Protein backbone atom coordinates (compact mmCIF):
# COMPACT_ATOMS: atom_id res chain seq x y z
CA MET A 1 -14.46 -31.66 23.83
CA THR A 2 -11.61 -29.84 23.69
CA PRO A 3 -10.20 -29.57 19.75
CA ASP A 4 -6.50 -30.33 19.24
CA THR A 5 -6.53 -28.18 15.76
CA ILE A 6 -8.97 -25.51 14.50
CA VAL A 7 -8.86 -24.90 10.80
CA HIS A 8 -10.89 -21.17 9.99
CA LEU A 9 -12.39 -21.26 6.43
CA LEU A 10 -12.28 -17.60 5.87
CA ARG A 11 -14.38 -15.90 3.14
CA HIS A 12 -13.15 -13.30 0.97
CA GLY A 13 -13.72 -9.63 1.57
CA GLU A 14 -16.00 -7.31 -0.22
CA VAL A 15 -15.38 -7.20 -4.07
CA HIS A 16 -15.06 -4.04 -6.38
CA ASN A 17 -17.62 -4.86 -9.04
CA PRO A 18 -19.76 -2.00 -10.49
CA GLU A 19 -21.11 -3.68 -13.50
CA GLY A 20 -23.11 -6.26 -10.72
CA VAL A 21 -21.82 -9.20 -12.86
CA LEU A 22 -21.12 -13.07 -11.34
CA TYR A 23 -17.43 -12.30 -11.58
CA GLY A 24 -16.78 -16.26 -10.52
CA ARG A 25 -13.22 -17.35 -11.37
CA ARG A 26 -12.36 -14.36 -13.64
CA ASP A 27 -9.19 -12.42 -12.98
CA GLY A 28 -9.36 -8.92 -12.26
CA TYR A 29 -12.02 -8.63 -9.45
CA HIS A 30 -9.91 -6.90 -6.35
CA LEU A 31 -11.28 -6.08 -3.02
CA SER A 32 -13.41 -2.64 -2.61
CA ASP A 33 -11.79 -0.06 0.10
CA LEU A 34 -14.21 -1.18 2.23
CA GLY A 35 -13.05 -5.11 1.33
CA VAL A 36 -9.39 -4.10 2.87
CA ARG A 37 -10.34 -2.33 5.55
CA MET A 38 -12.52 -6.06 6.74
CA ALA A 39 -9.28 -8.18 5.50
CA GLU A 40 -7.66 -6.01 8.30
CA ARG A 41 -10.54 -5.76 10.61
CA VAL A 42 -10.00 -9.74 10.49
CA ALA A 43 -6.23 -9.52 11.17
CA ASP A 44 -6.58 -7.10 13.95
CA VAL A 45 -9.47 -9.75 15.59
CA ILE A 46 -7.64 -12.98 15.03
CA GLY A 47 -4.15 -11.75 14.74
CA GLU A 48 -3.24 -13.02 18.20
CA ARG A 49 -4.67 -16.42 18.06
CA ASP A 50 -2.42 -19.61 17.50
CA ILE A 51 -2.98 -19.55 13.65
CA VAL A 52 0.53 -21.49 12.22
CA HIS A 53 -0.61 -22.13 8.77
CA LEU A 54 -2.63 -19.98 6.01
CA ARG A 55 -3.41 -20.80 2.77
CA SER A 56 -5.57 -19.31 0.02
CA SER A 57 -7.54 -19.59 -3.36
CA PRO A 58 -5.39 -18.15 -5.87
CA LEU A 59 -7.63 -15.27 -7.05
CA GLU A 60 -7.20 -12.18 -6.13
CA ARG A 61 -9.87 -11.44 -3.84
CA ALA A 62 -8.68 -14.34 -1.64
CA GLN A 63 -5.19 -13.50 -2.26
CA GLU A 64 -5.89 -9.84 -1.06
CA THR A 65 -7.67 -10.45 2.21
CA ALA A 66 -5.24 -13.13 3.50
CA ARG A 67 -2.42 -10.50 3.47
CA PRO A 68 -2.98 -8.60 6.90
CA LEU A 69 -3.36 -11.69 8.46
CA ALA A 70 -0.03 -13.31 6.70
CA ALA A 71 1.70 -9.83 8.05
CA ALA A 72 0.18 -10.00 11.54
CA ARG A 73 1.53 -13.99 11.75
CA GLY A 74 4.46 -13.48 9.97
CA LEU A 75 3.07 -16.66 7.78
CA GLU A 76 3.57 -17.23 4.06
CA ILE A 77 0.25 -17.85 1.75
CA VAL A 78 0.24 -21.11 0.19
CA THR A 79 -1.62 -21.02 -3.07
CA ASP A 80 -4.45 -23.55 -3.25
CA GLU A 81 -6.22 -24.36 -6.34
CA ARG A 82 -8.66 -26.52 -4.50
CA VAL A 83 -9.95 -23.97 -2.28
CA ILE A 84 -11.20 -21.80 -5.49
CA GLU A 85 -14.36 -19.99 -6.54
CA SER A 86 -16.81 -23.13 -7.94
CA THR A 87 -17.60 -22.99 -11.70
CA ASN A 88 -20.43 -21.43 -13.05
CA VAL A 89 -22.24 -21.34 -16.73
CA PHE A 90 -23.43 -17.92 -15.83
CA GLU A 91 -20.26 -16.09 -14.98
CA GLY A 92 -19.12 -13.03 -16.80
CA GLU A 93 -22.84 -11.90 -17.17
CA ARG A 94 -25.85 -9.98 -14.78
CA PHE A 95 -28.23 -12.43 -13.41
CA GLY A 96 -31.70 -11.81 -13.15
CA VAL A 97 -35.02 -11.61 -15.15
CA GLY A 98 -35.09 -8.25 -16.45
CA ASP A 99 -31.85 -7.28 -17.05
CA GLY A 100 -29.47 -10.33 -17.13
CA ALA A 101 -29.05 -14.03 -18.01
CA LEU A 102 -32.36 -15.11 -17.35
CA ARG A 103 -34.05 -13.23 -20.37
CA LYS A 104 -32.52 -15.37 -22.51
CA PRO A 105 -34.15 -18.73 -22.87
CA SER A 106 -31.05 -20.26 -23.88
CA ALA A 107 -29.94 -19.58 -20.15
CA TRP A 108 -32.85 -22.03 -19.15
CA ARG A 109 -31.60 -25.50 -20.25
CA HIS A 110 -29.08 -24.70 -17.25
CA LEU A 111 -31.66 -24.65 -14.45
CA TRP A 112 -33.04 -28.29 -14.65
CA ASN A 113 -31.12 -29.73 -11.70
CA PRO A 114 -30.68 -28.15 -8.39
CA TRP A 115 -29.52 -31.17 -6.83
CA ARG A 116 -26.35 -31.54 -9.04
CA PRO A 117 -26.55 -28.37 -9.77
CA SER A 118 -26.82 -28.24 -13.48
CA TRP A 119 -25.50 -24.67 -13.92
CA GLY A 120 -22.22 -25.43 -12.36
CA GLU A 121 -19.92 -27.65 -10.37
CA PRO A 122 -21.00 -30.45 -8.51
CA TYR A 123 -21.65 -29.95 -4.90
CA LYS A 124 -20.16 -33.46 -4.12
CA GLU A 125 -16.82 -32.49 -5.99
CA ILE A 126 -16.86 -28.96 -4.48
CA VAL A 127 -16.91 -30.86 -1.29
CA ALA A 128 -14.22 -33.35 -2.05
CA ARG A 129 -11.35 -30.90 -3.21
CA MET A 130 -12.13 -28.29 -0.25
CA MET A 131 -12.08 -31.12 2.46
CA SER A 132 -9.01 -32.27 1.04
CA ALA A 133 -7.30 -28.64 1.66
CA VAL A 134 -9.07 -28.44 4.88
CA HIS A 135 -7.09 -31.71 6.06
CA ASP A 136 -4.12 -31.02 4.59
CA ALA A 137 -4.42 -27.69 6.37
CA ARG A 138 -5.19 -29.49 9.68
CA VAL A 139 -1.88 -31.74 9.06
CA GLU A 140 0.26 -28.58 9.13
CA ALA A 141 -1.21 -27.15 12.18
CA ALA A 142 -1.77 -30.11 14.06
CA GLY A 143 -1.90 -28.68 17.59
CA HIS A 144 -2.66 -25.03 16.63
CA GLU A 145 -4.73 -23.35 14.20
CA ALA A 146 -4.97 -22.72 10.38
CA VAL A 147 -7.15 -20.31 8.12
CA VAL A 148 -7.81 -21.04 4.32
CA VAL A 149 -9.03 -18.41 2.51
CA SER A 150 -12.05 -19.46 0.18
CA HIS A 151 -15.57 -18.42 -0.84
CA GLN A 152 -18.89 -18.88 0.14
CA LEU A 153 -20.38 -21.39 -2.23
CA PRO A 154 -17.35 -24.00 -1.21
CA ILE A 155 -17.34 -22.84 2.47
CA TRP A 156 -20.91 -23.21 3.01
CA THR A 157 -21.16 -26.60 0.47
CA THR A 158 -18.48 -27.59 2.84
CA ARG A 159 -20.16 -26.69 6.00
CA LEU A 160 -23.53 -28.29 4.76
CA ALA A 161 -21.67 -31.58 4.15
CA ALA A 162 -19.96 -31.54 7.40
CA GLU A 163 -23.47 -31.29 9.43
CA LYS A 164 -24.76 -33.86 6.78
CA ARG A 165 -27.23 -31.56 5.63
CA SER A 166 -29.07 -31.34 2.18
CA PHE A 167 -27.11 -29.23 -0.78
CA LEU A 168 -30.55 -27.76 -1.59
CA HIS A 169 -30.56 -24.45 -0.07
CA ASP A 170 -31.32 -20.83 -0.74
CA PRO A 171 -28.44 -18.78 -1.51
CA ARG A 172 -30.05 -15.85 0.00
CA LYS A 173 -30.05 -17.68 3.57
CA ARG A 174 -26.34 -18.75 3.84
CA GLN A 175 -24.32 -18.01 6.95
CA CYS A 176 -21.64 -17.20 5.35
CA THR A 177 -21.17 -13.43 5.21
CA LEU A 178 -18.14 -11.54 3.71
CA CYS A 179 -15.03 -12.22 5.67
CA SER A 180 -16.78 -14.63 8.13
CA LEU A 181 -15.08 -17.48 9.80
CA THR A 182 -16.47 -21.37 8.95
CA SER A 183 -13.99 -22.84 11.76
CA PHE A 184 -14.00 -26.70 11.91
CA HIS A 185 -13.02 -28.27 15.29
CA PHE A 186 -10.83 -31.21 14.99
CA VAL A 187 -9.65 -33.99 17.92
CA GLY A 188 -7.20 -35.49 16.00
CA ASP A 189 -8.36 -36.58 12.44
CA ARG A 190 -12.05 -36.11 13.54
CA LEU A 191 -14.39 -33.63 13.12
CA THR A 192 -15.94 -32.61 16.20
CA GLN A 193 -17.78 -29.63 15.83
CA VAL A 194 -18.49 -26.41 13.17
CA SER A 195 -18.64 -22.81 14.34
CA TYR A 196 -19.40 -19.42 13.04
CA SER A 197 -18.00 -15.81 13.75
CA GLU A 198 -18.16 -12.52 12.22
CA PRO A 199 -14.67 -10.90 12.89
CA ALA A 200 -15.48 -7.96 10.55
CA GLY A 201 -19.66 -7.96 11.12
CA ASP A 202 -19.56 -4.30 11.93
CA LEU A 203 -18.10 -3.09 8.84
CA ILE A 204 -21.07 -5.32 6.86
CA PRO A 205 -23.44 -2.85 4.89
CA THR A 206 -26.83 -4.00 6.43
CA LYS A 207 -28.24 -4.90 3.02
CA ASP A 208 -25.11 -7.59 2.95
CA LYS A 209 -26.18 -9.16 5.80
CA ALA A 210 -28.51 -12.06 4.35
CA ALA A 211 -25.78 -13.61 2.63
CA PRO A 212 -25.98 -12.24 -1.02
CA PHE A 213 -25.87 -14.35 -4.32
CA SER A 214 -22.25 -15.80 -5.01
CA ALA A 215 -21.10 -16.24 -8.17
CA GLY A 216 -20.97 -19.91 -7.52
CA GLY A 217 -24.02 -20.14 -6.19
CA ALA A 218 -28.11 -20.89 -7.39
CA PRO A 219 -29.65 -18.62 -9.29
CA GLU A 220 -32.39 -16.87 -6.75
CA GLU A 221 -34.96 -16.78 -8.93
CA LYS A 222 -35.23 -20.11 -9.97
CA GLN A 223 -34.39 -21.64 -6.70
CA PRO A 224 -36.26 -24.66 -5.64
CA PRO A 225 -38.15 -25.01 -1.92
CA ALA A 226 -35.39 -26.54 0.33
């Protein structure tokens, strides 16, 4: 069935993060030089599409990813708090068994419930705020296309909900790499299909193609079986 409207969820590009911390919602984390090129590549690849509405998370890396596309399409960037990164108790720390937050026993109490999850914002709350923004973008772009710039875990969680899949997952296997598009196809107000593409895929280092850990996601070392 041919969609009336498509809302693309665009993950931001690579971030300059030499300390390797979980930056989450912290200020001051901008795109790296490669991340800027990724954002420009997205604008080059989809800039000719019928995109009439653009909104973005308020975080710097998302806004910077949106700018080339905004310039290509002559669009204003609508800042939307609902598509921000999820919260995480380990924000600002390195995460690992030997050199990060997991070496502290005080951190272990946050890992007891992967279904919620106990270390951050509940998955159902992420989906509720994201889908609210998606439907507003759908209304604004009715009959055309919209782009919403967000973050890996909110995008992936929303896709899992749309496809009626379990929230329990291995974060290393998320199909949501840097500057990828997770596209929601609507007929009227009904979601009929979810598709995925990587307009900047040729710029992504091989080591990052397996969907690296996101600041909002489940700790890899403690990830339960799916």
